[in-house]
Protein backbone atom coordinates (compact mmCIF):
# COMPACT_ATOMS: atom_id res chain seq x y z
CA MET A 1 -9.84 6.15 1.93
CA ALA A 2 -8.72 3.16 -0.13
CA LEU A 3 -11.02 0.90 1.88
CA GLY A 4 -14.08 2.72 0.56
CA ARG A 5 -15.48 -0.19 -1.44
CA SER A 6 -15.44 -2.55 1.52
CA VAL A 7 -16.55 -0.16 4.29
CA PRO A 8 -20.28 0.71 4.38
CA LEU A 9 -19.68 4.12 5.99
CA PHE A 10 -17.37 5.16 3.17
CA ASN A 11 -19.80 3.85 0.56
CA PHE A 12 -22.55 5.89 2.18
CA ALA A 13 -20.74 9.22 2.21
CA PHE A 14 -17.51 11.01 1.44
CA HIS A 15 -15.55 11.88 4.58
CA PRO A 16 -12.89 14.51 3.83
CA SER A 17 -9.56 14.63 5.61
CA GLY A 18 -10.02 15.88 9.16
CA THR A 19 -13.44 14.28 9.71
CA TRP A 20 -12.27 12.18 12.67
CA ASP A 21 -10.42 15.16 14.14
CA ARG A 22 -13.62 17.17 14.00
CA VAL A 23 -15.57 14.46 15.83
CA ALA A 24 -12.80 14.14 18.43
CA GLU A 25 -12.93 17.90 19.04
CA VAL A 26 -16.61 17.67 19.97
CA ALA A 27 -16.69 14.31 21.76
CA LYS A 28 -15.87 13.80 25.41
CA ASP A 29 -12.14 13.32 25.64
CA GLU A 30 -10.79 9.76 25.69
CA PRO A 31 -7.82 7.95 24.14
CA TRP A 32 -8.58 7.48 20.45
CA GLY A 33 -5.13 6.29 19.34
CA ARG A 34 -2.89 7.51 16.57
CA ASN A 35 -4.73 9.60 13.98
CA ASN A 36 -7.96 8.93 15.91
CA LYS A 37 -7.99 5.44 14.41
CA VAL A 38 -9.97 3.96 17.32
CA LEU A 39 -12.59 6.66 16.81
CA GLU A 40 -12.74 5.95 13.07
CA LEU A 41 -13.32 2.24 13.76
CA TYR A 42 -15.98 3.16 16.32
CA LEU A 43 -17.86 5.26 13.76
CA ARG A 44 -17.52 2.66 11.02
CA ALA A 45 -18.95 -0.09 13.22
CA ASN A 46 -21.75 2.03 14.63
CA PHE A 47 -22.82 3.16 11.18
CA GLU A 48 -23.16 -0.48 10.13
CA ILE A 49 -25.28 -1.19 13.19
CA ALA A 50 -27.40 1.93 12.59
CA LYS A 51 -27.95 0.88 8.97
CA GLN A 52 -28.94 -2.66 9.98
CA GLN A 53 -31.49 -1.22 12.41
CA SER A 54 -32.86 1.35 9.92
CA LYS A 55 -31.72 4.24 12.10
CA VAL A 56 -29.98 6.32 9.43
CA PHE A 57 -32.07 9.35 8.43
CA GLU A 58 -31.94 10.29 4.74
CA ASN A 59 -33.99 12.99 3.02
CA LYS A 60 -32.76 13.56 -0.53
CA ASP A 61 -35.42 16.16 -1.21
CA GLY A 62 -34.24 18.10 1.83
CA LYS A 63 -30.61 17.33 0.93
CA MET A 64 -29.82 16.13 4.43
CA ALA A 65 -28.84 12.90 6.19
CA PHE A 66 -27.75 12.07 9.71
CA TRP A 67 -27.26 9.23 12.20
CA ARG A 68 -26.49 9.06 15.88
CA ALA A 69 -22.82 8.31 16.45
CA GLY A 70 -23.34 5.36 18.75
CA TYR A 71 -23.24 6.42 22.37
CA LEU A 72 -20.72 9.22 21.88
CA VAL A 73 -21.46 12.36 23.88
CA ASN A 74 -19.82 15.74 24.40
CA GLU A 75 -18.49 17.07 27.70
CA THR A 76 -22.00 17.95 28.86
CA SER A 77 -23.32 14.47 27.95
CA ASP A 78 -25.30 15.60 24.89
CA PRO A 79 -25.51 12.92 22.16
CA ILE A 80 -23.45 13.37 19.01
CA TRP A 81 -24.84 13.16 15.47
CA MET A 82 -23.02 12.84 12.16
CA VAL A 83 -24.68 15.22 9.69
CA TYR A 84 -24.36 15.11 5.88
CA HIS A 85 -25.42 17.17 2.89
CA GLU A 86 -25.55 16.48 -0.83
CA ASN A 87 -22.21 15.59 -2.40
CA ARG A 88 -22.64 17.25 -5.76
CA GLY A 89 -20.74 15.46 -8.47
CA GLY A 90 -19.17 13.03 -6.04
CA GLU A 91 -19.17 9.25 -6.23
CA GLN A 92 -21.14 8.95 -2.98
CA TYR A 93 -24.48 10.71 -2.70
CA TRP A 94 -23.68 12.27 0.69
CA ARG A 95 -20.75 14.26 2.06
CA PHE A 96 -19.92 14.75 5.74
CA LYS A 97 -20.92 18.27 6.78
CA ASP A 98 -20.43 18.60 10.54
CA VAL A 99 -21.13 17.27 14.00
CA TYR A 100 -24.36 18.17 15.77
CA THR A 101 -25.01 17.79 19.51
CA GLY A 102 -28.25 17.64 21.44
CA ASP A 103 -31.63 16.41 20.21
CA THR A 104 -31.94 15.35 16.58
CA PRO A 105 -30.72 17.79 13.92
CA ILE A 106 -34.33 18.20 12.78
CA GLU A 107 -36.65 19.68 15.39
CA GLY A 108 -39.58 17.50 16.40
CA LEU A 109 -38.06 14.09 15.68
CA ASP A 110 -37.91 11.61 18.54
CA PRO A 111 -34.22 11.09 19.46
CA GLU A 112 -34.98 7.68 21.00
CA LYS A 113 -35.93 6.45 17.54
CA TYR A 114 -32.29 6.73 16.47
CA LEU A 115 -30.65 5.24 19.56
CA LEU A 116 -28.71 2.09 18.69
CA ASP A 117 -29.25 -1.28 20.30
CA TYR A 118 -26.23 -3.54 20.68
CA LYS A 119 -27.60 -7.06 20.35
CA TYR A 120 -24.50 -9.14 20.94
CA PRO A 121 -25.04 -12.80 21.89
CA LYS A 122 -24.73 -14.26 25.37
CA PHE A 123 -21.45 -16.05 26.03
CA ASN A 124 -21.88 -19.78 26.64
CA ARG A 125 -19.02 -21.15 28.72
CA GLY A 126 -20.21 -24.70 28.04
CA TRP A 127 -19.43 -24.43 24.34
CA ASP A 128 -16.20 -25.99 23.06
CA ILE A 129 -13.26 -23.95 21.81
CA HIS A 130 -12.38 -24.97 18.26
CA PHE A 131 -9.05 -24.46 16.48
CA GLU A 132 -8.94 -25.14 12.76
CA GLN A 133 -5.51 -26.17 11.52
CA ARG A 134 -5.18 -23.08 9.34
CA ASN A 135 -5.92 -20.89 12.38
CA ILE A 136 -3.28 -22.67 14.45
CA GLU A 137 -0.78 -22.09 11.66
CA HIS A 138 -1.83 -18.45 11.43
CA ILE A 139 -1.34 -17.95 15.18
CA LEU A 140 2.00 -19.77 15.41
CA LEU A 141 3.60 -19.15 12.02
CA HIS A 142 2.23 -15.89 10.58
CA ALA A 143 5.12 -13.38 10.63
CA ARG A 144 3.32 -10.73 12.67
CA ASN A 145 1.91 -13.21 15.18
CA LEU A 146 5.25 -15.00 15.50
CA GLU A 147 6.95 -11.71 16.30
CA ARG A 148 4.37 -11.02 19.03
CA LEU A 149 4.80 -14.48 20.53
CA ARG A 150 8.57 -14.03 20.61
CA ASP A 151 8.10 -10.73 22.44
CA VAL A 152 5.79 -12.34 25.00
CA PHE A 153 7.94 -15.40 25.67
CA LYS A 154 11.28 -13.61 25.45
CA GLY A 155 13.63 -15.11 28.05
CA VAL A 156 11.38 -18.10 28.77
CA PHE A 157 13.10 -20.41 26.31
CA ASN A 158 16.87 -20.84 26.08
CA CYS A 159 16.62 -21.65 22.38
CA ASP A 160 14.20 -20.76 19.60
CA LEU A 161 10.49 -20.45 20.37
CA ASN A 162 9.00 -23.85 21.19
CA SER A 163 5.71 -23.75 19.28
CA HIS A 164 4.36 -26.87 21.00
CA LEU A 165 4.77 -25.41 24.50
CA VAL A 166 3.52 -22.00 23.37
CA PHE A 167 0.34 -23.51 21.94
CA ARG A 168 -0.20 -25.53 25.12
CA ALA A 169 0.10 -22.35 27.19
CA ILE A 170 -2.34 -20.48 24.95
CA TYR A 171 -4.81 -23.38 24.86
CA GLY A 172 -4.73 -23.87 28.62
CA GLU A 173 -5.28 -20.17 29.32
CA ILE A 174 -8.19 -20.03 26.86
CA GLN A 175 -9.88 -22.98 28.56
CA LEU A 176 -9.45 -21.35 31.98
CA LYS A 177 -10.86 -18.03 30.80
CA ARG A 178 -13.76 -19.84 29.11
CA LYS A 179 -14.77 -21.34 32.47
CA GLU A 180 -14.41 -17.92 34.11
CA GLU A 181 -16.51 -16.34 31.31
CA ALA A 182 -13.78 -13.72 31.02
CA VAL A 183 -14.81 -12.19 27.70
CA ILE A 184 -16.07 -8.90 26.34
CA PRO A 185 -17.98 -8.30 23.08
CA GLN A 186 -16.41 -6.74 20.02
CA TYR A 187 -17.66 -5.80 16.54
CA TYR A 188 -15.67 -6.83 13.49
CA ARG A 189 -16.58 -7.04 9.82
CA GLY A 190 -20.31 -6.74 10.28
CA ASP A 191 -20.83 -9.11 13.20
CA TYR A 192 -20.34 -9.60 16.93
CA HIS A 193 -17.50 -11.66 18.34
CA PHE A 194 -15.86 -12.00 21.75
CA ILE A 195 -12.43 -10.95 22.99
CA MET A 196 -10.73 -13.01 25.69
CA PRO A 197 -7.73 -11.78 27.74
CA LEU A 198 -4.73 -14.12 27.91
CA TYR A 199 -2.48 -13.87 30.97
CA LEU A 200 0.34 -16.01 29.61
CA LEU A 201 3.25 -15.20 31.93
CA SER A 202 1.77 -13.33 34.86
CA GLY A 203 -1.55 -13.07 36.63
CA ASP A 204 -1.55 -9.28 36.51
CA LYS A 205 -0.70 -8.56 32.85
CA VAL A 206 -2.63 -9.39 29.69
CA ASP A 207 -0.09 -10.30 27.03
CA LEU A 208 -2.42 -11.07 24.13
CA THR A 209 -6.12 -11.48 23.48
CA ALA A 210 -7.96 -14.21 21.58
CA THR A 211 -10.86 -13.55 19.22
CA LEU A 212 -13.80 -15.95 19.55
CA SER A 213 -16.33 -16.26 16.75
CA PRO A 214 -19.63 -17.95 17.72
CA ASP A 215 -20.56 -21.01 15.69
CA ASP A 216 -24.24 -21.45 16.58
CA VAL A 217 -24.75 -24.53 14.41
CA ASN A 218 -22.01 -26.54 16.12
CA ARG A 219 -22.38 -24.79 19.49
CA ARG A 220 -18.74 -23.82 19.75
CA TYR A 221 -16.37 -20.87 19.44
CA SER A 222 -13.72 -20.69 16.75
CA ILE A 223 -10.41 -19.02 17.57
CA ARG A 224 -9.22 -17.14 14.50
CA THR A 225 -6.29 -15.04 15.66
CA LEU A 226 -4.53 -13.37 18.59
CA LEU A 227 -4.45 -9.60 19.01
CA LEU A 228 -2.50 -7.13 21.07
CA PRO A 229 -4.66 -5.53 23.79
CA ALA A 230 -4.71 -2.23 21.86
CA PHE A 231 -6.29 -3.88 18.81
CA ALA A 232 -8.82 -5.62 21.05
CA TYR A 233 -9.61 -2.28 22.68
CA ALA A 234 -10.33 -0.67 19.31
CA TYR A 235 -12.88 -3.24 18.19
CA ALA A 236 -14.46 -3.69 21.62
CA ARG A 237 -14.85 0.07 22.10
CA ALA A 238 -17.27 0.12 19.18
CA VAL A 239 -19.95 -1.68 21.23
CA ILE A 240 -19.06 -0.65 24.77
CA LYS A 241 -21.40 2.22 25.62
CA ASN A 242 -19.05 3.93 28.05
CA ARG A 243 -15.31 3.54 28.44
CA ASP A 244 -15.81 3.19 32.20
CA GLN A 245 -17.57 -0.11 31.52
CA PHE A 246 -14.37 -1.73 30.30
CA ALA A 247 -12.80 -4.52 32.31
CA HIS A 248 -9.78 -3.31 34.27
CA TRP A 249 -7.34 -4.93 31.87
CA MET A 250 -8.65 -2.78 29.01
CA GLN A 251 -8.24 0.58 30.72
CA LEU A 252 -5.34 1.29 28.39
CA PRO A 253 -3.50 4.62 28.61
CA GLU A 254 -3.00 6.87 25.61
CA ASP A 255 0.58 5.74 24.97
CA GLU A 256 -0.47 2.09 24.62
CA LEU A 257 -3.05 3.10 22.02
CA ASP A 258 -0.58 5.24 20.10
CA ILE A 259 -0.06 2.57 17.46
CA ASP A 260 -1.39 2.09 13.97
CA VAL A 261 -4.57 0.23 14.89
CA SER A 262 -5.52 -1.10 11.48
CA VAL A 263 -7.71 -4.00 10.43
CA GLU A 264 -5.96 -7.23 11.37
CA ASP A 265 -5.34 -9.96 8.83
CA GLU A 266 -7.33 -13.15 9.34
CA PRO A 267 -6.34 -16.57 8.04
């Protein structure tokens, strides 16, 4: 829990070891990745959204708090709630208590009042795609990204990776997918962005994904980094109401999500 200071959910309440396992036990089964990391990111993002929309219930006199865990449901499609009680002597006021399913944990409250609304922006295919020099360097030279690019283009070049040709391939694919409006929303660090699939070597396999950050003032999208599909899945899942709504290229099996899906470095 070292990220506590920078993650609103962890500032709000103490979540003991096993919290994500407990939620996964109750929730409808789906691939949540190693150590339920995808589920943790889902809950972190949805708490931020719930807080922004004033949909976190807190009653300190009654020593109880709760919020609806996004659009998570159990096997019988009952909504899932994260319930907290007083964290006596702890740094955070609240401590995770358990998962509740069904109508709100307090009888008589309107459950619709706590349903989240994902207000991600409309994608504008007419906007330019903007690469800052530092982002280009991050994509082509950052050790982790360079390793991924070498894996993707393995066997294409007879010598070392040709960064000029690689960038041209990435840029051309991004422009094509922009015209096709081939993007899905994601939630990262308190805001909505878009994820774009990049078919770099074949028309039937997504090798990497590009993150697009809207720049409303300049009416353009900034490309910050490239992600493996599993990382894109984790951050997109936070604002996709049902896994069945994913584009076909993001229907990733459990083994592809069995990686340490952590927060990616940005330039």
